[in-house]
């Protein structure tokens, strides 16, 4: 969310006690919709595969996102080649294995940050070697730092 959009939302929550305030509110709402139209979409969910064996591995990853499993390792657990697993990921989830892991970690970290966890805790829980590595990935992906997310 851009700083402008955040402030417009705060302003729209103001009192509507006279005609001037209602007119201003309508203009602010128009600006909010204009800003939303320009905003970059944010991934809002993590898809889960229907294939039972892959679903089980994905659920294990969600329970422990710090694990450093490789595509080849998962393929071995499923008794298939890594190319077959890569195709299965694309078919079932519409994204690659690495994209799914990154999205999963990011959304899980957003939940933890929103619940008040520290950036250090979240970084380590999600497999990053340091808070700065986590912060760099987060900012590159989301456009703002994890500390901004905590105050939203």
C-alpha atoms as a PDB file:
ATOM      1  CA  UNK A   1       0.000   0.000   0.000  1.00  0.00           C
ATOM      2  CA  UNK A   2       1.391   3.379  -0.935  1.00  0.00           C
ATOM      3  CA  UNK A   3       1.671   6.082   1.734  1.00  0.00           C
ATOM      4  CA  UNK A   4      -0.840   8.175  -0.235  1.00  0.00           C
ATOM      5  CA  UNK A   5      -3.396   5.351  -0.295  1.00  0.00           C
ATOM      6  CA  UNK A   6      -2.931   4.733   3.424  1.00  0.00           C
ATOM      7  CA  UNK A   7      -3.542   8.397   4.222  1.00  0.00           C
ATOM      8  CA  UNK A   8      -6.549   8.574   1.895  1.00  0.00           C
ATOM      9  CA  UNK A   9      -8.124   5.651   3.719  1.00  0.00           C
ATOM     10  CA  UNK A  10      -7.517   7.347   7.061  1.00  0.00           C
ATOM     11  CA  UNK A  11      -9.022  10.569   5.731  1.00  0.00           C
ATOM     12  CA  UNK A  12     -12.075   8.734   4.363  1.00  0.00           C
ATOM     13  CA  UNK A  13     -12.828   7.441   7.846  1.00  0.00           C
ATOM     14  CA  UNK A  14     -13.499  10.986   9.097  1.00  0.00           C
ATOM     15  CA  UNK A  15     -16.776  12.502  10.212  1.00  0.00           C
ATOM     16  CA  UNK A  16     -19.485  13.271   7.649  1.00  0.00           C
ATOM     17  CA  UNK A  17     -21.381  15.847   9.678  1.00  0.00           C
ATOM     18  CA  UNK A  18     -22.035  18.453   6.956  1.00  0.00           C
ATOM     19  CA  UNK A  19     -22.428  18.798   3.190  1.00  0.00           C
ATOM     20  CA  UNK A  20     -18.830  19.961   2.721  1.00  0.00           C
ATOM     21  CA  UNK A  21     -17.510  16.911   4.566  1.00  0.00           C
ATOM     22  CA  UNK A  22     -19.663  14.580   2.435  1.00  0.00           C
ATOM     23  CA  UNK A  23     -18.385  16.183  -0.789  1.00  0.00           C
ATOM     24  CA  UNK A  24     -14.781  15.887   0.406  1.00  0.00           C
ATOM     25  CA  UNK A  25     -15.421  12.252   1.374  1.00  0.00           C
ATOM     26  CA  UNK A  26     -16.750  11.460  -2.127  1.00  0.00           C
ATOM     27  CA  UNK A  27     -13.643  13.041  -3.683  1.00  0.00           C
ATOM     28  CA  UNK A  28     -11.363  11.077  -1.368  1.00  0.00           C
ATOM     29  CA  UNK A  29     -13.166   7.842  -2.246  1.00  0.00           C
ATOM     30  CA  UNK A  30     -12.671   8.627  -5.945  1.00  0.00           C
ATOM     31  CA  UNK A  31      -8.955   9.101  -5.284  1.00  0.00           C
ATOM     32  CA  UNK A  32      -8.828   5.810  -3.354  1.00  0.00           C
ATOM     33  CA  UNK A  33     -10.299   3.959  -6.332  1.00  0.00           C
ATOM     34  CA  UNK A  34      -7.856   5.720  -8.641  1.00  0.00           C
ATOM     35  CA  UNK A  35      -4.915   4.667  -6.449  1.00  0.00           C
ATOM     36  CA  UNK A  36      -6.213   1.094  -6.187  1.00  0.00           C
ATOM     37  CA  UNK A  37      -6.431   0.872  -9.975  1.00  0.00           C
ATOM     38  CA  UNK A  38      -2.744   1.801 -10.205  1.00  0.00           C
ATOM     39  CA  UNK A  39      -1.577  -0.443  -7.372  1.00  0.00           C
ATOM     40  CA  UNK A  40       0.352  -3.606  -8.081  1.00  0.00           C
ATOM     41  CA  UNK A  41      -1.599  -6.742  -7.279  1.00  0.00           C
ATOM     42  CA  UNK A  42      -0.339  -8.666  -4.277  1.00  0.00           C
ATOM     43  CA  UNK A  43      -0.517 -12.403  -4.069  1.00  0.00           C
ATOM     44  CA  UNK A  44      -3.156 -13.087  -1.472  1.00  0.00           C
ATOM     45  CA  UNK A  45      -3.139 -16.854  -1.102  1.00  0.00           C
ATOM     46  CA  UNK A  46      -1.011 -19.931  -1.404  1.00  0.00           C
ATOM     47  CA  UNK A  47      -2.512 -22.557  -3.694  1.00  0.00           C
ATOM     48  CA  UNK A  48      -2.554 -26.130  -2.388  1.00  0.00           C
ATOM     49  CA  UNK A  49      -2.304 -29.028  -4.833  1.00  0.00           C
ATOM     50  CA  UNK A  50      -5.034 -31.640  -5.161  1.00  0.00           C
ATOM     51  CA  UNK A  51      -2.599 -34.519  -5.753  1.00  0.00           C
ATOM     52  CA  UNK A  52      -2.459 -36.207  -2.302  1.00  0.00           C
ATOM     53  CA  UNK A  53       1.283 -36.954  -2.099  1.00  0.00           C
ATOM     54  CA  UNK A  54       2.253 -33.462  -3.241  1.00  0.00           C
ATOM     55  CA  UNK A  55      -0.381 -31.950  -0.963  1.00  0.00           C
ATOM     56  CA  UNK A  56       1.220 -33.741   1.996  1.00  0.00           C
ATOM     57  CA  UNK A  57       4.703 -32.387   1.178  1.00  0.00           C
ATOM     58  CA  UNK A  58       3.300 -28.867   0.744  1.00  0.00           C
ATOM     59  CA  UNK A  59       1.490 -29.096   4.088  1.00  0.00           C
ATOM     60  CA  UNK A  60       4.747 -30.194   5.755  1.00  0.00           C
ATOM     61  CA  UNK A  61       6.503 -27.179   4.234  1.00  0.00           C
ATOM     62  CA  UNK A  62       3.769 -24.825   5.486  1.00  0.00           C
ATOM     63  CA  UNK A  63       4.220 -26.298   8.977  1.00  0.00           C
ATOM     64  CA  UNK A  64       8.003 -25.828   8.773  1.00  0.00           C
ATOM     65  CA  UNK A  65       8.883 -23.107   6.216  1.00  0.00           C
ATOM     66  CA  UNK A  66      12.528 -22.961   7.287  1.00  0.00           C
ATOM     67  CA  UNK A  67      13.266 -26.333   5.679  1.00  0.00           C
ATOM     68  CA  UNK A  68      15.723 -26.153   2.823  1.00  0.00           C
ATOM     69  CA  UNK A  69      14.329 -28.996   0.735  1.00  0.00           C
ATOM     70  CA  UNK A  70      15.196 -29.006  -2.949  1.00  0.00           C
ATOM     71  CA  UNK A  71      12.974 -29.983  -5.848  1.00  0.00           C
ATOM     72  CA  UNK A  72      15.136 -33.078  -6.360  1.00  0.00           C
ATOM     73  CA  UNK A  73      14.591 -34.129  -2.742  1.00  0.00           C
ATOM     74  CA  UNK A  74      10.820 -33.805  -3.028  1.00  0.00           C
ATOM     75  CA  UNK A  75      10.887 -35.663  -6.351  1.00  0.00           C
ATOM     76  CA  UNK A  76      12.799 -38.502  -4.700  1.00  0.00           C
ATOM     77  CA  UNK A  77      10.239 -38.691  -1.888  1.00  0.00           C
ATOM     78  CA  UNK A  78       7.490 -38.956  -4.509  1.00  0.00           C
ATOM     79  CA  UNK A  79       9.432 -41.512  -6.607  1.00  0.00           C
ATOM     80  CA  UNK A  80       9.484 -39.328  -9.691  1.00  0.00           C
ATOM     81  CA  UNK A  81      12.024 -37.293 -11.607  1.00  0.00           C
ATOM     82  CA  UNK A  82      12.550 -33.643 -10.782  1.00  0.00           C
ATOM     83  CA  UNK A  83      11.306 -32.728 -14.290  1.00  0.00           C
ATOM     84  CA  UNK A  84       8.084 -34.655 -13.680  1.00  0.00           C
ATOM     85  CA  UNK A  85       7.615 -32.933 -10.335  1.00  0.00           C
ATOM     86  CA  UNK A  86       8.297 -29.529 -11.911  1.00  0.00           C
ATOM     87  CA  UNK A  87       5.578 -30.228 -14.502  1.00  0.00           C
ATOM     88  CA  UNK A  88       3.215 -31.431 -11.752  1.00  0.00           C
ATOM     89  CA  UNK A  89       3.794 -28.212  -9.781  1.00  0.00           C
ATOM     90  CA  UNK A  90       3.036 -26.142 -12.859  1.00  0.00           C
ATOM     91  CA  UNK A  91      -0.083 -28.186 -13.658  1.00  0.00           C
ATOM     92  CA  UNK A  92      -1.450 -28.318 -10.094  1.00  0.00           C
ATOM     93  CA  UNK A  93      -0.498 -24.839  -8.875  1.00  0.00           C
ATOM     94  CA  UNK A  94       0.167 -22.719 -11.948  1.00  0.00           C
ATOM     95  CA  UNK A  95       3.673 -21.846 -10.729  1.00  0.00           C
ATOM     96  CA  UNK A  96       7.096 -23.357 -10.252  1.00  0.00           C
ATOM     97  CA  UNK A  97       8.320 -25.062  -7.096  1.00  0.00           C
ATOM     98  CA  UNK A  98      10.586 -22.129  -6.215  1.00  0.00           C
ATOM     99  CA  UNK A  99       7.802 -19.579  -6.830  1.00  0.00           C
ATOM    100  CA  UNK A 100       5.455 -21.571  -4.586  1.00  0.00           C
ATOM    101  CA  UNK A 101       8.040 -21.778  -1.779  1.00  0.00           C
ATOM    102  CA  UNK A 102       8.792 -18.065  -1.999  1.00  0.00           C
ATOM    103  CA  UNK A 103       5.091 -17.120  -1.978  1.00  0.00           C
ATOM    104  CA  UNK A 104       4.375 -19.480   0.900  1.00  0.00           C
ATOM    105  CA  UNK A 105       7.211 -18.090   2.996  1.00  0.00           C
ATOM    106  CA  UNK A 106       6.193 -14.526   2.218  1.00  0.00           C
ATOM    107  CA  UNK A 107       2.545 -14.991   3.165  1.00  0.00           C
ATOM    108  CA  UNK A 108       3.424 -16.907   6.314  1.00  0.00           C
ATOM    109  CA  UNK A 109       5.841 -14.144   7.270  1.00  0.00           C
ATOM    110  CA  UNK A 110       3.145 -11.505   6.688  1.00  0.00           C
ATOM    111  CA  UNK A 111       0.904 -13.377   9.127  1.00  0.00           C
ATOM    112  CA  UNK A 112       3.659 -13.576  11.744  1.00  0.00           C
ATOM    113  CA  UNK A 113       4.581  -9.900  11.368  1.00  0.00           C
ATOM    114  CA  UNK A 114       0.931  -8.891  11.687  1.00  0.00           C
ATOM    115  CA  UNK A 115       0.689 -10.900  14.899  1.00  0.00           C
ATOM    116  CA  UNK A 116       3.570  -8.878  16.361  1.00  0.00           C
ATOM    117  CA  UNK A 117       6.546 -11.209  15.844  1.00  0.00           C
ATOM    118  CA  UNK A 118       9.920  -9.521  15.468  1.00  0.00           C
ATOM    119  CA  UNK A 119      11.657  -9.364  12.094  1.00  0.00           C
ATOM    120  CA  UNK A 120      14.482 -11.521  13.500  1.00  0.00           C
ATOM    121  CA  UNK A 121      12.030 -14.220  14.637  1.00  0.00           C
ATOM    122  CA  UNK A 122      10.223 -14.247  11.311  1.00  0.00           C
ATOM    123  CA  UNK A 123      13.440 -14.316   9.291  1.00  0.00           C
ATOM    124  CA  UNK A 124      14.807 -17.308  11.187  1.00  0.00           C
ATOM    125  CA  UNK A 125      11.464 -19.157  11.226  1.00  0.00           C
ATOM    126  CA  UNK A 126      11.263 -18.876   7.455  1.00  0.00           C
ATOM    127  CA  UNK A 127      14.738 -20.069   6.588  1.00  0.00           C
ATOM    128  CA  UNK A 128      16.648 -16.820   6.137  1.00  0.00           C
ATOM    129  CA  UNK A 129      20.188 -16.571   7.462  1.00  0.00           C
ATOM    130  CA  UNK A 130      19.731 -13.026   8.731  1.00  0.00           C
ATOM    131  CA  UNK A 131      17.102 -10.317   9.189  1.00  0.00           C
ATOM    132  CA  UNK A 132      18.798  -8.252   6.481  1.00  0.00           C
ATOM    133  CA  UNK A 133      18.490 -11.064   3.906  1.00  0.00           C
ATOM    134  CA  UNK A 134      14.809 -11.441   4.800  1.00  0.00           C
ATOM    135  CA  UNK A 135      14.251  -7.667   4.671  1.00  0.00           C
ATOM    136  CA  UNK A 136      15.919  -7.412   1.239  1.00  0.00           C
ATOM    137  CA  UNK A 137      13.733 -10.191  -0.210  1.00  0.00           C
ATOM    138  CA  UNK A 138      10.625  -8.733   1.418  1.00  0.00           C
ATOM    139  CA  UNK A 139      11.251  -5.222   0.103  1.00  0.00           C
ATOM    140  CA  UNK A 140      12.120  -6.495  -3.380  1.00  0.00           C
ATOM    141  CA  UNK A 141       8.865  -8.478  -3.508  1.00  0.00           C
ATOM    142  CA  UNK A 142       6.422  -6.277  -1.605  1.00  0.00           C
ATOM    143  CA  UNK A 143       7.839  -2.806  -2.266  1.00  0.00           C
ATOM    144  CA  UNK A 144       8.123  -1.945   1.429  1.00  0.00           C
ATOM    145  CA  UNK A 145      10.057  -3.252   4.418  1.00  0.00           C
ATOM    146  CA  UNK A 146       8.752  -5.708   7.009  1.00  0.00           C
ATOM    147  CA  UNK A 147       8.786  -2.956   9.634  1.00  0.00           C
ATOM    148  CA  UNK A 148       6.267  -1.003   7.524  1.00  0.00           C
ATOM    149  CA  UNK A 149       4.059  -4.068   7.375  1.00  0.00           C
ATOM    150  CA  UNK A 150       3.971  -4.346  11.144  1.00  0.00           C
ATOM    151  CA  UNK A 151       2.672  -0.805  11.517  1.00  0.00           C
ATOM    152  CA  UNK A 152      -0.060  -1.134   8.856  1.00  0.00           C
END
